[in-house]
């Protein structure tokens, strides 16, 4: 194998790995310090008011994240801004 072909293969692999790492990263919900976040209890109440049924609630980087269901019974993975409770990313299934 030639040097050029090896270098191109290495560059492709590096690019692929970098792209896949950013693809699995969650959204950037806030840059505010945790002291400004809603408490977990307040956020859970807000999420319930939005109609979500929560199976799992967790802190995911700079976000609150849930796995559960929408008010229509569809599977949901939702990321929330922990400062104001707004939805920053939602993946809704069947």
PDB file of N, CA and C in Angstrom:
ATOM      1  N   UNK A   1       0.855  -1.173   0.000  1.00  0.00           N
ATOM      2  CA  UNK A   1       0.000   0.000   0.000  1.00  0.00           C
ATOM      3  C   UNK A   1       0.900   1.234   0.000  1.00  0.00           C
ATOM      4  N   UNK A   2       0.553   2.203  -0.798  1.00  0.00           N
ATOM      5  CA  UNK A   2       1.378   3.399  -0.906  1.00  0.00           C
ATOM      6  C   UNK A   2       1.168   4.312   0.296  1.00  0.00           C
ATOM      7  N   UNK A   3       2.124   5.196   0.498  1.00  0.00           N
ATOM      8  CA  UNK A   3       2.037   6.166   1.593  1.00  0.00           C
ATOM      9  C   UNK A   3       0.796   7.040   1.455  1.00  0.00           C
ATOM     10  N   UNK A   4       0.501   7.492   0.229  1.00  0.00           N
ATOM     11  CA  UNK A   4      -0.651   8.366  -0.010  1.00  0.00           C
ATOM     12  C   UNK A   4      -1.950   7.654   0.340  1.00  0.00           C
ATOM     13  N   UNK A   5      -2.056   6.407  -0.061  1.00  0.00           N
ATOM     14  CA  UNK A   5      -3.270   5.641   0.233  1.00  0.00           C
ATOM     15  C   UNK A   5      -3.419   5.433   1.738  1.00  0.00           C
ATOM     16  N   UNK A   6      -2.332   5.137   2.419  1.00  0.00           N
ATOM     17  CA  UNK A   6      -2.362   4.963   3.871  1.00  0.00           C
ATOM     18  C   UNK A   6      -2.751   6.268   4.558  1.00  0.00           C
ATOM     19  N   UNK A   7      -2.193   7.370   4.115  1.00  0.00           N
ATOM     20  CA  UNK A   7      -2.508   8.672   4.699  1.00  0.00           C
ATOM     21  C   UNK A   7      -3.980   9.022   4.477  1.00  0.00           C
ATOM     22  N   UNK A   8      -4.502   8.749   3.289  1.00  0.00           N
ATOM     23  CA  UNK A   8      -5.920   9.018   2.999  1.00  0.00           C
ATOM     24  C   UNK A   8      -6.823   8.151   3.874  1.00  0.00           C
ATOM     25  N   UNK A   9      -6.448   6.886   4.046  1.00  0.00           N
ATOM     26  CA  UNK A   9      -7.228   5.991   4.902  1.00  0.00           C
ATOM     27  C   UNK A   9      -7.238   6.487   6.341  1.00  0.00           C
ATOM     28  N   UNK A  10      -6.101   6.924   6.825  1.00  0.00           N
ATOM     29  CA  UNK A  10      -6.005   7.437   8.197  1.00  0.00           C
ATOM     30  C   UNK A  10      -6.833   8.704   8.352  1.00  0.00           C
ATOM     31  N   UNK A  11      -6.783   9.584   7.368  1.00  0.00           N
ATOM     32  CA  UNK A  11      -7.566  10.814   7.411  1.00  0.00           C
ATOM     33  C   UNK A  11      -9.054  10.507   7.405  1.00  0.00           C
ATOM     34  N   UNK A  12      -9.487   9.558   6.571  1.00  0.00           N
ATOM     35  CA  UNK A  12     -10.886   9.163   6.513  1.00  0.00           C
ATOM     36  C   UNK A  12     -11.347   8.609   7.857  1.00  0.00           C
ATOM     37  N   UNK A  13     -10.552   7.736   8.442  1.00  0.00           N
ATOM     38  CA  UNK A  13     -10.904   7.133   9.726  1.00  0.00           C
ATOM     39  C   UNK A  13     -10.996   8.189  10.823  1.00  0.00           C
ATOM     40  N   UNK A  14     -10.074   9.120  10.856  1.00  0.00           N
ATOM     41  CA  UNK A  14     -10.099  10.204  11.844  1.00  0.00           C
ATOM     42  C   UNK A  14     -11.347  11.062  11.681  1.00  0.00           C
ATOM     43  N   UNK A  15     -11.691  11.393  10.440  1.00  0.00           N
ATOM     44  CA  UNK A  15     -12.883  12.192  10.170  1.00  0.00           C
ATOM     45  C   UNK A  15     -14.137  11.438  10.586  1.00  0.00           C
ATOM     46  N   UNK A  16     -14.194  10.162  10.270  1.00  0.00           N
ATOM     47  CA  UNK A  16     -15.339   9.335  10.627  1.00  0.00           C
ATOM     48  C   UNK A  16     -15.523   9.270  12.140  1.00  0.00           C
ATOM     49  N   UNK A  17     -14.455   9.058  12.870  1.00  0.00           N
ATOM     50  CA  UNK A  17     -14.530   8.990  14.324  1.00  0.00           C
ATOM     51  C   UNK A  17     -14.950  10.322  14.929  1.00  0.00           C
ATOM     52  N   UNK A  18     -14.444  11.410  14.402  1.00  0.00           N
ATOM     53  CA  UNK A  18     -14.811  12.736  14.901  1.00  0.00           C
ATOM     54  C   UNK A  18     -16.285  13.014  14.641  1.00  0.00           C
ATOM     55  N   UNK A  19     -16.762  12.650  13.481  1.00  0.00           N
ATOM     56  CA  UNK A  19     -18.170  12.876  13.137  1.00  0.00           C
ATOM     57  C   UNK A  19     -19.089  12.020  14.001  1.00  0.00           C
ATOM     58  N   UNK A  20     -18.716  10.777  14.249  1.00  0.00           N
ATOM     59  CA  UNK A  20     -19.567   9.917  15.054  1.00  0.00           C
ATOM     60  C   UNK A  20     -19.589  10.370  16.502  1.00  0.00           C
ATOM     61  N   UNK A  21     -18.512  10.940  16.998  1.00  0.00           N
ATOM     62  CA  UNK A  21     -18.495  11.461  18.361  1.00  0.00           C
ATOM     63  C   UNK A  21     -19.419  12.628  18.530  1.00  0.00           C
ATOM     64  N   UNK A  22     -19.490  13.505  17.542  1.00  0.00           N
ATOM     65  CA  UNK A  22     -20.394  14.646  17.644  1.00  0.00           C
ATOM     66  C   UNK A  22     -21.838  14.229  17.412  1.00  0.00           C
ATOM     67  N   UNK A  23     -22.065  13.134  16.705  1.00  0.00           N
ATOM     68  CA  UNK A  23     -23.425  12.682  16.441  1.00  0.00           C
ATOM     69  C   UNK A  23     -24.081  12.148  17.704  1.00  0.00           C
ATOM     70  N   UNK A  24     -23.308  11.569  18.620  1.00  0.00           N
ATOM     71  CA  UNK A  24     -23.899  11.027  19.827  1.00  0.00           C
ATOM     72  C   UNK A  24     -23.926  12.029  20.974  1.00  0.00           C
ATOM     73  N   UNK A  25     -23.323  13.153  20.782  1.00  0.00           N
ATOM     74  CA  UNK A  25     -23.352  14.181  21.819  1.00  0.00           C
ATOM     75  C   UNK A  25     -24.746  14.784  21.897  1.00  0.00           C
ATOM     76  N   UNK A  26     -25.192  15.056  23.117  1.00  0.00           N
ATOM     77  CA  UNK A  26     -26.499  15.662  23.296  1.00  0.00           C
ATOM     78  C   UNK A  26     -26.475  17.145  22.971  1.00  0.00           C
ATOM     79  N   UNK A  27     -27.636  17.770  23.017  1.00  0.00           N
ATOM     80  CA  UNK A  27     -27.703  19.198  22.711  1.00  0.00           C
ATOM     81  C   UNK A  27     -27.074  20.044  23.815  1.00  0.00           C
ATOM     82  N   UNK A  28     -26.744  21.265  23.489  1.00  0.00           N
ATOM     83  CA  UNK A  28     -26.232  22.213  24.480  1.00  0.00           C
ATOM     84  C   UNK A  28     -27.442  22.984  24.993  1.00  0.00           C
ATOM     85  N   UNK A  29     -27.951  22.604  26.140  1.00  0.00           N
ATOM     86  CA  UNK A  29     -29.184  23.182  26.669  1.00  0.00           C
ATOM     87  C   UNK A  29     -28.963  24.525  27.349  1.00  0.00           C
ATOM     88  N   UNK A  30     -27.843  24.677  28.046  1.00  0.00           N
ATOM     89  CA  UNK A  30     -27.555  25.932  28.739  1.00  0.00           C
ATOM     90  C   UNK A  30     -26.069  26.029  29.034  1.00  0.00           C
ATOM     91  N   UNK A  31     -25.627  27.243  29.248  1.00  0.00           N
ATOM     92  CA  UNK A  31     -24.263  27.461  29.728  1.00  0.00           C
ATOM     93  C   UNK A  31     -24.298  28.078  31.132  1.00  0.00           C
ATOM     94  N   UNK A  32     -25.496  28.195  31.682  1.00  0.00           N
ATOM     95  CA  UNK A  32     -25.665  28.760  33.031  1.00  0.00           C
ATOM     96  C   UNK A  32     -25.156  27.788  34.091  1.00  0.00           C
ATOM     97  N   UNK A  33     -24.635  28.300  35.208  1.00  0.00           N
ATOM     98  CA  UNK A  33     -24.182  27.415  36.298  1.00  0.00           C
ATOM     99  C   UNK A  33     -25.369  26.711  36.956  1.00  0.00           C
ATOM    100  N   UNK A  34     -25.106  25.584  37.579  1.00  0.00           N
ATOM    101  CA  UNK A  34     -26.180  24.778  38.184  1.00  0.00           C
ATOM    102  C   UNK A  34     -26.967  25.525  39.254  1.00  0.00           C
ATOM    103  N   UNK A  35     -26.372  26.553  39.847  1.00  0.00           N
ATOM    104  CA  UNK A  35     -27.097  27.339  40.850  1.00  0.00           C
ATOM    105  C   UNK A  35     -28.325  28.030  40.249  1.00  0.00           C
ATOM    106  N   UNK A  36     -28.318  28.235  38.934  1.00  0.00           N
ATOM    107  CA  UNK A  36     -29.441  28.904  38.263  1.00  0.00           C
ATOM    108  C   UNK A  36     -30.462  27.918  37.694  1.00  0.00           C
ATOM    109  N   UNK A  37     -30.190  26.623  37.804  1.00  0.00           N
ATOM    110  CA  UNK A  37     -31.087  25.605  37.273  1.00  0.00           C
ATOM    111  C   UNK A  37     -32.326  25.467  38.158  1.00  0.00           C
ATOM    112  N   UNK A  38     -33.436  25.046  37.557  1.00  0.00           N
ATOM    113  CA  UNK A  38     -34.593  24.632  38.332  1.00  0.00           C
ATOM    114  C   UNK A  38     -34.189  23.398  39.134  1.00  0.00           C
ATOM    115  N   UNK A  39     -34.772  23.219  40.296  1.00  0.00           N
ATOM    116  CA  UNK A  39     -34.486  21.993  41.053  1.00  0.00           C
ATOM    117  C   UNK A  39     -35.052  20.804  40.271  1.00  0.00           C
ATOM    118  N   UNK A  40     -34.553  19.619  40.557  1.00  0.00           N
ATOM    119  CA  UNK A  40     -35.070  18.426  39.882  1.00  0.00           C
ATOM    120  C   UNK A  40     -36.561  18.262  40.152  1.00  0.00           C
ATOM    121  N   UNK A  41     -36.995  18.540  41.369  1.00  0.00           N
ATOM    122  CA  UNK A  41     -38.413  18.414  41.722  1.00  0.00           C
ATOM    123  C   UNK A  41     -39.263  19.397  40.916  1.00  0.00           C
ATOM    124  N   UNK A  42     -38.795  20.647  40.801  1.00  0.00           N
ATOM    125  CA  UNK A  42     -39.529  21.658  40.025  1.00  0.00           C
ATOM    126  C   UNK A  42     -39.563  21.280  38.549  1.00  0.00           C
ATOM    127  N   UNK A  43     -38.465  20.747  38.041  1.00  0.00           N
ATOM    128  CA  UNK A  43     -38.416  20.347  36.633  1.00  0.00           C
ATOM    129  C   UNK A  43     -39.328  19.164  36.379  1.00  0.00           C
ATOM    130  N   UNK A  44     -39.340  18.192  37.288  1.00  0.00           N
ATOM    131  CA  UNK A  44     -40.226  17.032  37.127  1.00  0.00           C
ATOM    132  C   UNK A  44     -41.689  17.475  37.116  1.00  0.00           C
ATOM    133  N   UNK A  45     -42.047  18.445  37.956  1.00  0.00           N
ATOM    134  CA  UNK A  45     -43.422  18.961  37.977  1.00  0.00           C
ATOM    135  C   UNK A  45     -43.753  19.653  36.649  1.00  0.00           C
ATOM    136  N   UNK A  46     -42.821  20.430  36.131  1.00  0.00           N
ATOM    137  CA  UNK A  46     -43.019  21.128  34.860  1.00  0.00           C
ATOM    138  C   UNK A  46     -43.191  20.117  33.722  1.00  0.00           C
ATOM    139  N   UNK A  47     -42.381  19.067  33.734  1.00  0.00           N
ATOM    140  CA  UNK A  47     -42.462  18.022  32.704  1.00  0.00           C
ATOM    141  C   UNK A  47     -43.829  17.336  32.770  1.00  0.00           C
ATOM    142  N   UNK A  48     -44.289  17.046  33.977  1.00  0.00           N
ATOM    143  CA  UNK A  48     -45.614  16.425  34.143  1.00  0.00           C
ATOM    144  C   UNK A  48     -46.712  17.363  33.633  1.00  0.00           C
ATOM    145  N   UNK A  49     -46.581  18.653  33.894  1.00  0.00           N
ATOM    146  CA  UNK A  49     -47.551  19.641  33.400  1.00  0.00           C
ATOM    147  C   UNK A  49     -47.580  19.689  31.876  1.00  0.00           C
ATOM    148  N   UNK A  50     -46.447  19.361  31.231  1.00  0.00           N
ATOM    149  CA  UNK A  50     -46.387  19.322  29.765  1.00  0.00           C
ATOM    150  C   UNK A  50     -47.047  18.063  29.206  1.00  0.00           C
ATOM    151  N   UNK A  51     -47.373  17.129  30.092  1.00  0.00           N
ATOM    152  CA  UNK A  51     -48.062  15.916  29.660  1.00  0.00           C
ATOM    153  C   UNK A  51     -47.187  14.695  29.467  1.00  0.00           C
ATOM    154  N   UNK A  52     -45.920  14.787  29.824  1.00  0.00           N
ATOM    155  CA  UNK A  52     -45.036  13.632  29.673  1.00  0.00           C
ATOM    156  C   UNK A  52     -45.184  12.693  30.859  1.00  0.00           C
ATOM    157  N   UNK A  53     -45.111  11.386  30.590  1.00  0.00           N
ATOM    158  CA  UNK A  53     -45.023  10.377  31.637  1.00  0.00           C
ATOM    159  C   UNK A  53     -43.570   9.915  31.640  1.00  0.00           C
ATOM    160  N   UNK A  54     -42.902  10.066  32.763  1.00  0.00           N
ATOM    161  CA  UNK A  54     -41.456   9.832  32.846  1.00  0.00           C
ATOM    162  C   UNK A  54     -41.148   8.432  33.345  1.00  0.00           C
ATOM    163  N   UNK A  55     -40.319   7.731  32.571  1.00  0.00           N
ATOM    164  CA  UNK A  55     -39.766   6.444  33.009  1.00  0.00           C
ATOM    165  C   UNK A  55     -38.427   6.694  33.680  1.00  0.00           C
ATOM    166  N   UNK A  56     -37.574   7.514  33.021  1.00  0.00           N
ATOM    167  CA  UNK A  56     -36.248   7.828  33.539  1.00  0.00           C
ATOM    168  C   UNK A  56     -36.003   9.325  33.428  1.00  0.00           C
ATOM    169  N   UNK A  57     -35.514   9.913  34.499  1.00  0.00           N
ATOM    170  CA  UNK A  57     -35.151  11.330  34.542  1.00  0.00           C
ATOM    171  C   UNK A  57     -33.688  11.395  34.936  1.00  0.00           C
ATOM    172  N   UNK A  58     -32.900  12.207  34.209  1.00  0.00           N
ATOM    173  CA  UNK A  58     -31.488  12.314  34.584  1.00  0.00           C
ATOM    174  C   UNK A  58     -30.909  13.649  34.140  1.00  0.00           C
ATOM    175  N   UNK A  59     -29.771  13.972  34.734  1.00  0.00           N
ATOM    176  CA  UNK A  59     -28.977  15.114  34.297  1.00  0.00           C
ATOM    177  C   UNK A  59     -28.040  14.570  33.226  1.00  0.00           C
ATOM    178  N   UNK A  60     -28.069  15.198  32.052  1.00  0.00           N
ATOM    179  CA  UNK A  60     -27.238  14.764  30.937  1.00  0.00           C
ATOM    180  C   UNK A  60     -26.436  15.969  30.458  1.00  0.00           C
ATOM    181  N   UNK A  61     -25.211  16.091  30.970  1.00  0.00           N
ATOM    182  CA  UNK A  61     -24.390  17.261  30.640  1.00  0.00           C
ATOM    183  C   UNK A  61     -25.084  18.530  31.105  1.00  0.00           C
ATOM    184  N   UNK A  62     -25.296  19.489  30.188  1.00  0.00           N
ATOM    185  CA  UNK A  62     -25.943  20.744  30.570  1.00  0.00           C
ATOM    186  C   UNK A  62     -27.465  20.703  30.376  1.00  0.00           C
ATOM    187  N   UNK A  63     -28.060  19.513  30.490  1.00  0.00           N
ATOM    188  CA  UNK A  63     -29.494  19.337  30.240  1.00  0.00           C
ATOM    189  C   UNK A  63     -30.133  18.457  31.306  1.00  0.00           C
ATOM    190  N   UNK A  64     -31.455  18.602  31.429  1.00  0.00           N
ATOM    191  CA  UNK A  64     -32.268  17.573  32.056  1.00  0.00           C
ATOM    192  C   UNK A  64     -32.779  16.722  30.905  1.00  0.00           C
ATOM    193  N   UNK A  65     -32.811  15.409  31.096  1.00  0.00           N
ATOM    194  CA  UNK A  65     -33.236  14.506  30.029  1.00  0.00           C
ATOM    195  C   UNK A  65     -34.208  13.488  30.586  1.00  0.00           C
ATOM    196  N   UNK A  66     -35.228  13.169  29.786  1.00  0.00           N
ATOM    197  CA  UNK A  66     -36.152  12.106  30.180  1.00  0.00           C
ATOM    198  C   UNK A  66     -36.272  11.065  29.081  1.00  0.00           C
ATOM    199  N   UNK A  67     -36.612   9.870  29.506  1.00  0.00           N
ATOM    200  CA  UNK A  67     -37.089   8.807  28.629  1.00  0.00           C
ATOM    201  C   UNK A  67     -38.478   8.488  29.171  1.00  0.00           C
ATOM    202  N   UNK A  68     -39.450   8.444  28.294  1.00  0.00           N
ATOM    203  CA  UNK A  68     -40.804   8.172  28.731  1.00  0.00           C
ATOM    204  C   UNK A  68     -41.761   8.213  27.566  1.00  0.00           C
ATOM    205  N   UNK A  69     -42.952   8.817  27.808  1.00  0.00           N
ATOM    206  CA  UNK A  69     -44.006   8.848  26.816  1.00  0.00           C
ATOM    207  C   UNK A  69     -44.644  10.229  26.770  1.00  0.00           C
ATOM    208  N   UNK A  70     -45.156  10.589  25.596  1.00  0.00           N
ATOM    209  CA  UNK A  70     -45.911  11.824  25.446  1.00  0.00           C
ATOM    210  C   UNK A  70     -47.318  11.611  26.000  1.00  0.00           C
ATOM    211  N   UNK A  71     -48.089  12.688  26.047  1.00  0.00           N
ATOM    212  CA  UNK A  71     -49.478  12.557  26.507  1.00  0.00           C
ATOM    213  C   UNK A  71     -50.299  11.691  25.558  1.00  0.00           C
ATOM    214  N   UNK A  72     -49.810  11.492  24.318  1.00  0.00           N
ATOM    215  CA  UNK A  72     -50.477  10.635  23.339  1.00  0.00           C
ATOM    216  C   UNK A  72     -49.985   9.193  23.394  1.00  0.00           C
ATOM    217  N   UNK A  73     -49.093   8.887  24.340  1.00  0.00           N
ATOM    218  CA  UNK A  73     -48.597   7.528  24.511  1.00  0.00           C
ATOM    219  C   UNK A  73     -47.448   7.138  23.599  1.00  0.00           C
ATOM    220  N   UNK A  74     -46.833   8.115  22.919  1.00  0.00           N
ATOM    221  CA  UNK A  74     -45.690   7.823  22.054  1.00  0.00           C
ATOM    222  C   UNK A  74     -44.399   7.858  22.870  1.00  0.00           C
ATOM    223  N   UNK A  75     -43.458   6.970  22.524  1.00  0.00           N
ATOM    224  CA  UNK A  75     -42.167   6.961  23.206  1.00  0.00           C
ATOM    225  C   UNK A  75     -41.466   8.289  22.982  1.00  0.00           C
ATOM    226  N   UNK A  76     -40.783   8.767  24.019  1.00  0.00           N
ATOM    227  CA  UNK A  76     -40.126  10.073  23.926  1.00  0.00           C
ATOM    228  C   UNK A  76     -38.786  10.067  24.637  1.00  0.00           C
ATOM    229  N   UNK A  77     -37.811  10.683  23.972  1.00  0.00           N
ATOM    230  CA  UNK A  77     -36.529  11.036  24.595  1.00  0.00           C
ATOM    231  C   UNK A  77     -36.444  12.543  24.428  1.00  0.00           C
ATOM    232  N   UNK A  78     -36.444  13.270  25.555  1.00  0.00           N
ATOM    233  CA  UNK A  78     -36.547  14.725  25.484  1.00  0.00           C
ATOM    234  C   UNK A  78     -35.475  15.364  26.358  1.00  0.00           C
ATOM    235  N   UNK A  79     -34.820  16.387  25.797  1.00  0.00           N
ATOM    236  CA  UNK A  79     -33.829  17.181  26.515  1.00  0.00           C
ATOM    237  C   UNK A  79     -34.446  18.540  26.828  1.00  0.00           C
ATOM    238  N   UNK A  80     -34.249  19.009  28.054  1.00  0.00           N
ATOM    239  CA  UNK A  80     -34.816  20.269  28.509  1.00  0.00           C
ATOM    240  C   UNK A  80     -33.726  21.232  28.951  1.00  0.00           C
ATOM    241  N   UNK A  81     -33.955  22.516  28.705  1.00  0.00           N
ATOM    242  CA  UNK A  81     -33.109  23.560  29.267  1.00  0.00           C
ATOM    243  C   UNK A  81     -33.404  23.570  30.763  1.00  0.00           C
ATOM    244  N   UNK A  82     -32.415  23.349  31.609  1.00  0.00           N
ATOM    245  CA  UNK A  82     -32.666  23.254  33.048  1.00  0.00           C
ATOM    246  C   UNK A  82     -32.918  24.597  33.725  1.00  0.00           C
ATOM    247  N   UNK A  83     -32.726  25.689  33.013  1.00  0.00           N
ATOM    248  CA  UNK A  83     -32.950  27.019  33.598  1.00  0.00           C
ATOM    249  C   UNK A  83     -34.407  27.444  33.449  1.00  0.00           C
ATOM    250  N   UNK A  84     -34.964  27.239  32.232  1.00  0.00           N
ATOM    251  CA  UNK A  84     -36.341  27.684  32.005  1.00  0.00           C
ATOM    252  C   UNK A  84     -37.315  26.549  31.699  1.00  0.00           C
ATOM    253  N   UNK A  85     -36.819  25.324  31.574  1.00  0.00           N
ATOM    254  CA  UNK A  85     -37.682  24.166  31.347  1.00  0.00           C
ATOM    255  C   UNK A  85     -38.122  23.967  29.910  1.00  0.00           C
ATOM    256  N   UNK A  86     -37.592  24.757  28.984  1.00  0.00           N
ATOM    257  CA  UNK A  86     -38.009  24.597  27.586  1.00  0.00           C
ATOM    258  C   UNK A  86     -37.382  23.345  26.974  1.00  0.00           C
ATOM    259  N   UNK A  87     -38.064  22.797  25.974  1.00  0.00           N
ATOM    260  CA  UNK A  87     -37.571  21.627  25.248  1.00  0.00           C
ATOM    261  C   UNK A  87     -36.493  22.097  24.277  1.00  0.00           C
ATOM    262  N   UNK A  88     -35.323  21.461  24.330  1.00  0.00           N
ATOM    263  CA  UNK A  88     -34.253  21.812  23.403  1.00  0.00           C
ATOM    264  C   UNK A  88     -34.084  20.767  22.304  1.00  0.00           C
ATOM    265  N   UNK A  89     -34.507  19.525  22.596  1.00  0.00           N
ATOM    266  CA  UNK A  89     -34.464  18.471  21.592  1.00  0.00           C
ATOM    267  C   UNK A  89     -35.453  17.400  22.012  1.00  0.00           C
ATOM    268  N   UNK A  90     -36.207  16.886  21.051  1.00  0.00           N
ATOM    269  CA  UNK A  90     -37.167  15.818  21.337  1.00  0.00           C
ATOM    270  C   UNK A  90     -37.135  14.791  20.228  1.00  0.00           C
ATOM    271  N   UNK A  91     -37.029  13.537  20.608  1.00  0.00           N
ATOM    272  CA  UNK A  91     -37.131  12.432  19.676  1.00  0.00           C
ATOM    273  C   UNK A  91     -38.368  11.644  20.072  1.00  0.00           C
ATOM    274  N   UNK A  92     -39.390  11.720  19.238  1.00  0.00           N
ATOM    275  CA  UNK A  92     -40.667  11.094  19.526  1.00  0.00           C
ATOM    276  C   UNK A  92     -40.856   9.921  18.585  1.00  0.00           C
ATOM    277  N   UNK A  93     -41.161   8.751  19.141  1.00  0.00           N
ATOM    278  CA  UNK A  93     -41.352   7.547  18.343  1.00  0.00           C
ATOM    279  C   UNK A  93     -42.820   7.178  18.249  1.00  0.00           C
ATOM    280  N   UNK A  94     -43.036   5.896  17.930  1.00  0.00           N
ATOM    281  CA  UNK A  94     -44.418   5.398  17.801  1.00  0.00           C
ATOM    282  C   UNK A  94     -44.981   4.943  19.116  1.00  0.00           C
TER     283      UNK A  94
END
